[in-house]
Amino acid sequence: MKSSSRRFSWNRYAAIVLVGLLPFLQTACTPKPWVKPYQRQHLADPIMDQGRNPVSSSYLTHVYQAREGARGAESTHGVGCGCN
């Protein structure tokens, strides 16, 4: 009987801590942008472009589409047959 009362108090303590931490955990879901407007100039730099070579990008896109078996497969998930 004594151990069950300890477990009850431990569960109660855990629930109180969880309810106390819940507001702090929800503050991570703020609608503010993580990238400030003055930081976006670095992201718009041409060196940040993944496909700097248009010929290479076109070829890799063609190969990817041929492997997936579906046109436009590079921009969406879950398309193509998936067989190798």
N, C-alpha and C. Protein backbone atom coordinates (compact mmCIF):
# COMPACT_ATOMS: atom_id res chain seq x y z
N MET A 1 0.83 -1.19 0.00
CA MET A 1 0.00 0.00 0.00
C MET A 1 0.87 1.25 0.00
N LYS A 2 1.98 1.16 0.69
CA LYS A 2 2.85 2.32 0.78
C LYS A 2 3.48 2.65 -0.57
N SER A 3 3.84 1.62 -1.35
CA SER A 3 4.47 1.87 -2.65
C SER A 3 3.48 2.48 -3.65
N SER A 4 2.19 2.12 -3.55
CA SER A 4 1.22 2.70 -4.48
C SER A 4 1.01 4.18 -4.21
N SER A 5 1.08 4.60 -2.95
CA SER A 5 0.94 6.02 -2.66
C SER A 5 2.16 6.80 -3.15
N ARG A 6 3.34 6.18 -3.12
CA ARG A 6 4.53 6.83 -3.66
C ARG A 6 4.42 6.98 -5.17
N ARG A 7 3.91 5.96 -5.83
CA ARG A 7 3.77 6.03 -7.27
C ARG A 7 2.74 7.09 -7.66
N PHE A 8 1.69 7.20 -6.89
CA PHE A 8 0.69 8.22 -7.17
C PHE A 8 1.30 9.61 -7.03
N SER A 9 2.09 9.82 -6.00
CA SER A 9 2.69 11.14 -5.82
C SER A 9 3.73 11.40 -6.91
N TRP A 10 4.43 10.36 -7.37
CA TRP A 10 5.41 10.53 -8.44
C TRP A 10 4.71 10.90 -9.76
N ASN A 11 3.58 10.24 -10.05
CA ASN A 11 2.82 10.57 -11.25
C ASN A 11 2.26 11.99 -11.16
N ARG A 12 1.81 12.36 -9.99
CA ARG A 12 1.29 13.71 -9.80
C ARG A 12 2.41 14.74 -10.01
N TYR A 13 3.58 14.45 -9.46
CA TYR A 13 4.72 15.34 -9.62
C TYR A 13 5.11 15.47 -11.10
N ALA A 14 5.13 14.36 -11.82
CA ALA A 14 5.46 14.38 -13.24
C ALA A 14 4.43 15.18 -14.03
N ALA A 15 3.16 15.05 -13.68
CA ALA A 15 2.11 15.80 -14.37
C ALA A 15 2.24 17.29 -14.11
N ILE A 16 2.56 17.67 -12.89
CA ILE A 16 2.73 19.08 -12.56
C ILE A 16 3.91 19.67 -13.32
N VAL A 17 5.01 18.93 -13.40
CA VAL A 17 6.18 19.40 -14.14
C VAL A 17 5.85 19.53 -15.62
N LEU A 18 5.14 18.56 -16.17
CA LEU A 18 4.78 18.61 -17.58
C LEU A 18 3.86 19.79 -17.89
N VAL A 19 2.88 20.02 -17.05
CA VAL A 19 1.98 21.16 -17.24
C VAL A 19 2.74 22.47 -17.08
N GLY A 20 3.72 22.49 -16.18
CA GLY A 20 4.52 23.70 -16.00
C GLY A 20 5.44 23.98 -17.18
N LEU A 21 5.93 22.93 -17.82
CA LEU A 21 6.83 23.11 -18.96
C LEU A 21 6.10 23.33 -20.28
N LEU A 22 4.84 23.01 -20.34
CA LEU A 22 4.08 23.11 -21.58
C LEU A 22 4.09 24.51 -22.19
N PRO A 23 3.90 25.58 -21.45
CA PRO A 23 3.97 26.92 -22.08
C PRO A 23 5.35 27.23 -22.66
N PHE A 24 6.40 26.74 -22.02
CA PHE A 24 7.74 26.99 -22.54
C PHE A 24 7.99 26.20 -23.81
N LEU A 25 7.42 25.01 -23.91
CA LEU A 25 7.60 24.21 -25.11
C LEU A 25 6.81 24.78 -26.29
N GLN A 26 5.70 25.43 -26.02
CA GLN A 26 4.88 25.98 -27.09
C GLN A 26 5.43 27.28 -27.63
N THR A 27 6.36 27.91 -26.96
CA THR A 27 6.92 29.15 -27.46
C THR A 27 7.81 28.92 -28.66
N ALA A 28 8.19 27.69 -28.93
CA ALA A 28 9.01 27.40 -30.11
C ALA A 28 8.18 27.49 -31.39
N CYS A 29 6.88 27.52 -31.30
CA CYS A 29 6.00 27.56 -32.47
C CYS A 29 5.53 28.99 -32.74
N THR A 30 6.43 29.92 -32.76
CA THR A 30 6.05 31.30 -32.99
C THR A 30 5.96 31.58 -34.48
N PRO A 31 5.08 32.47 -34.90
CA PRO A 31 4.95 32.77 -36.33
C PRO A 31 6.02 33.71 -36.87
N LYS A 32 6.94 34.15 -36.03
CA LYS A 32 7.99 35.06 -36.50
C LYS A 32 8.92 34.32 -37.46
N PRO A 33 9.40 34.99 -38.50
CA PRO A 33 10.36 34.33 -39.39
C PRO A 33 11.71 34.16 -38.69
N TRP A 34 12.35 33.05 -38.92
CA TRP A 34 13.64 32.81 -38.30
C TRP A 34 14.73 33.60 -38.99
N VAL A 35 14.55 33.85 -40.28
CA VAL A 35 15.54 34.61 -41.04
C VAL A 35 15.07 36.05 -41.08
N LYS A 36 15.88 36.92 -40.57
CA LYS A 36 15.53 38.34 -40.55
C LYS A 36 15.66 38.92 -41.96
N PRO A 37 14.94 40.00 -42.26
CA PRO A 37 15.01 40.58 -43.60
C PRO A 37 16.42 41.00 -44.01
N TYR A 38 17.21 41.48 -43.07
CA TYR A 38 18.56 41.90 -43.42
C TYR A 38 19.49 40.69 -43.62
N GLN A 39 19.09 39.50 -43.20
CA GLN A 39 19.89 38.30 -43.42
C GLN A 39 19.56 37.63 -44.75
N ARG A 40 18.44 37.98 -45.34
CA ARG A 40 18.01 37.33 -46.58
C ARG A 40 18.86 37.70 -47.78
N GLN A 41 19.59 38.79 -47.68
CA GLN A 41 20.45 39.17 -48.79
C GLN A 41 21.55 38.13 -49.01
N HIS A 42 21.96 37.46 -47.95
CA HIS A 42 22.98 36.42 -48.08
C HIS A 42 22.40 35.17 -48.74
N LEU A 43 21.13 34.89 -48.49
CA LEU A 43 20.50 33.73 -49.11
C LEU A 43 20.20 33.97 -50.58
N ALA A 44 20.04 35.22 -50.98
CA ALA A 44 19.76 35.55 -52.37
C ALA A 44 21.03 35.66 -53.21
N ASP A 45 22.18 35.44 -52.61
CA ASP A 45 23.45 35.50 -53.33
C ASP A 45 23.49 34.39 -54.38
N PRO A 46 23.97 34.67 -55.60
CA PRO A 46 24.00 33.64 -56.64
C PRO A 46 24.83 32.41 -56.27
N ILE A 47 25.79 32.56 -55.39
CA ILE A 47 26.60 31.40 -55.01
C ILE A 47 25.80 30.40 -54.18
N MET A 48 24.68 30.83 -53.61
CA MET A 48 23.83 29.94 -52.82
C MET A 48 22.91 29.10 -53.70
N ASP A 49 22.88 29.35 -54.99
CA ASP A 49 22.04 28.60 -55.92
C ASP A 49 22.58 27.19 -56.06
N GLN A 50 21.72 26.20 -55.92
CA GLN A 50 22.17 24.82 -56.02
C GLN A 50 22.48 24.43 -57.45
N GLY A 51 21.75 24.98 -58.39
CA GLY A 51 21.95 24.62 -59.79
C GLY A 51 22.63 25.73 -60.55
N ARG A 52 23.89 25.99 -60.26
CA ARG A 52 24.60 27.08 -60.93
C ARG A 52 24.92 26.75 -62.38
N ASN A 53 25.07 25.47 -62.69
CA ASN A 53 25.37 25.06 -64.06
C ASN A 53 24.08 24.55 -64.69
N PRO A 54 23.46 25.31 -65.62
CA PRO A 54 22.16 24.91 -66.16
C PRO A 54 22.22 23.62 -66.98
N VAL A 55 23.34 23.36 -67.66
CA VAL A 55 23.45 22.13 -68.46
C VAL A 55 23.49 20.91 -67.53
N SER A 56 24.27 21.00 -66.49
CA SER A 56 24.36 19.90 -65.53
C SER A 56 23.02 19.68 -64.83
N SER A 57 22.35 20.75 -64.45
CA SER A 57 21.05 20.63 -63.78
C SER A 57 20.02 19.99 -64.69
N SER A 58 20.03 20.38 -65.97
CA SER A 58 19.08 19.81 -66.93
C SER A 58 19.32 18.32 -67.11
N TYR A 59 20.59 17.93 -67.20
CA TYR A 59 20.91 16.51 -67.37
C TYR A 59 20.52 15.71 -66.13
N LEU A 60 20.83 16.21 -64.94
CA LEU A 60 20.48 15.50 -63.72
C LEU A 60 18.96 15.37 -63.55
N THR A 61 18.23 16.40 -63.96
CA THR A 61 16.77 16.34 -63.91
C THR A 61 16.25 15.27 -64.86
N HIS A 62 16.82 15.20 -66.06
CA HIS A 62 16.41 14.19 -67.04
C HIS A 62 16.69 12.78 -66.51
N VAL A 63 17.86 12.57 -65.93
CA VAL A 63 18.22 11.25 -65.40
C VAL A 63 17.29 10.88 -64.25
N TYR A 64 16.98 11.82 -63.39
CA TYR A 64 16.11 11.54 -62.26
C TYR A 64 14.70 11.19 -62.73
N GLN A 65 14.21 11.91 -63.73
CA GLN A 65 12.88 11.62 -64.26
C GLN A 65 12.85 10.25 -64.91
N ALA A 66 13.92 9.88 -65.60
CA ALA A 66 13.97 8.57 -66.24
C ALA A 66 14.01 7.46 -65.19
N ARG A 67 14.71 7.68 -64.11
CA ARG A 67 14.80 6.66 -63.06
C ARG A 67 13.48 6.50 -62.32
N GLU A 68 12.79 7.59 -62.07
CA GLU A 68 11.53 7.52 -61.34
C GLU A 68 10.38 7.04 -62.22
N GLY A 69 10.50 7.23 -63.49
CA GLY A 69 9.44 6.80 -64.40
C GLY A 69 8.26 7.74 -64.42
N ALA A 70 8.45 8.97 -64.02
CA ALA A 70 7.36 9.94 -64.01
C ALA A 70 7.92 11.32 -64.30
N ARG A 71 7.20 12.06 -65.11
CA ARG A 71 7.64 13.41 -65.44
C ARG A 71 7.29 14.33 -64.27
N GLY A 72 8.22 15.20 -63.93
CA GLY A 72 7.99 16.10 -62.80
C GLY A 72 8.25 15.45 -61.46
N ALA A 73 9.00 14.35 -61.46
CA ALA A 73 9.21 13.60 -60.22
C ALA A 73 10.17 14.30 -59.27
N GLU A 74 10.91 15.28 -59.73
CA GLU A 74 11.90 15.90 -58.86
C GLU A 74 11.30 16.91 -57.90
N SER A 75 10.08 17.33 -58.11
CA SER A 75 9.53 18.37 -57.25
C SER A 75 8.50 17.87 -56.24
N THR A 76 8.04 16.64 -56.38
CA THR A 76 7.05 16.12 -55.45
C THR A 76 7.53 14.78 -54.90
N HIS A 77 6.95 14.38 -53.79
CA HIS A 77 7.33 13.12 -53.16
C HIS A 77 6.26 12.08 -53.42
N GLY A 78 6.68 10.84 -53.50
CA GLY A 78 5.73 9.75 -53.60
C GLY A 78 5.23 9.48 -55.00
N VAL A 79 5.96 9.88 -56.01
CA VAL A 79 5.55 9.61 -57.39
C VAL A 79 6.52 8.62 -58.00
N GLY A 80 6.12 8.00 -59.07
CA GLY A 80 6.96 7.02 -59.74
C GLY A 80 6.66 5.63 -59.21
N CYS A 81 7.26 4.64 -59.86
CA CYS A 81 6.96 3.26 -59.48
C CYS A 81 7.76 2.82 -58.27
N GLY A 82 8.96 3.36 -58.08
CA GLY A 82 9.78 3.01 -56.93
C GLY A 82 10.57 1.74 -57.10
N CYS A 83 10.53 1.12 -58.28
CA CYS A 83 11.31 -0.10 -58.49
C CYS A 83 12.72 0.26 -58.97
N ASN A 84 13.68 -0.54 -58.62
CA ASN A 84 15.07 -0.28 -59.01
C ASN A 84 15.54 -1.32 -59.99
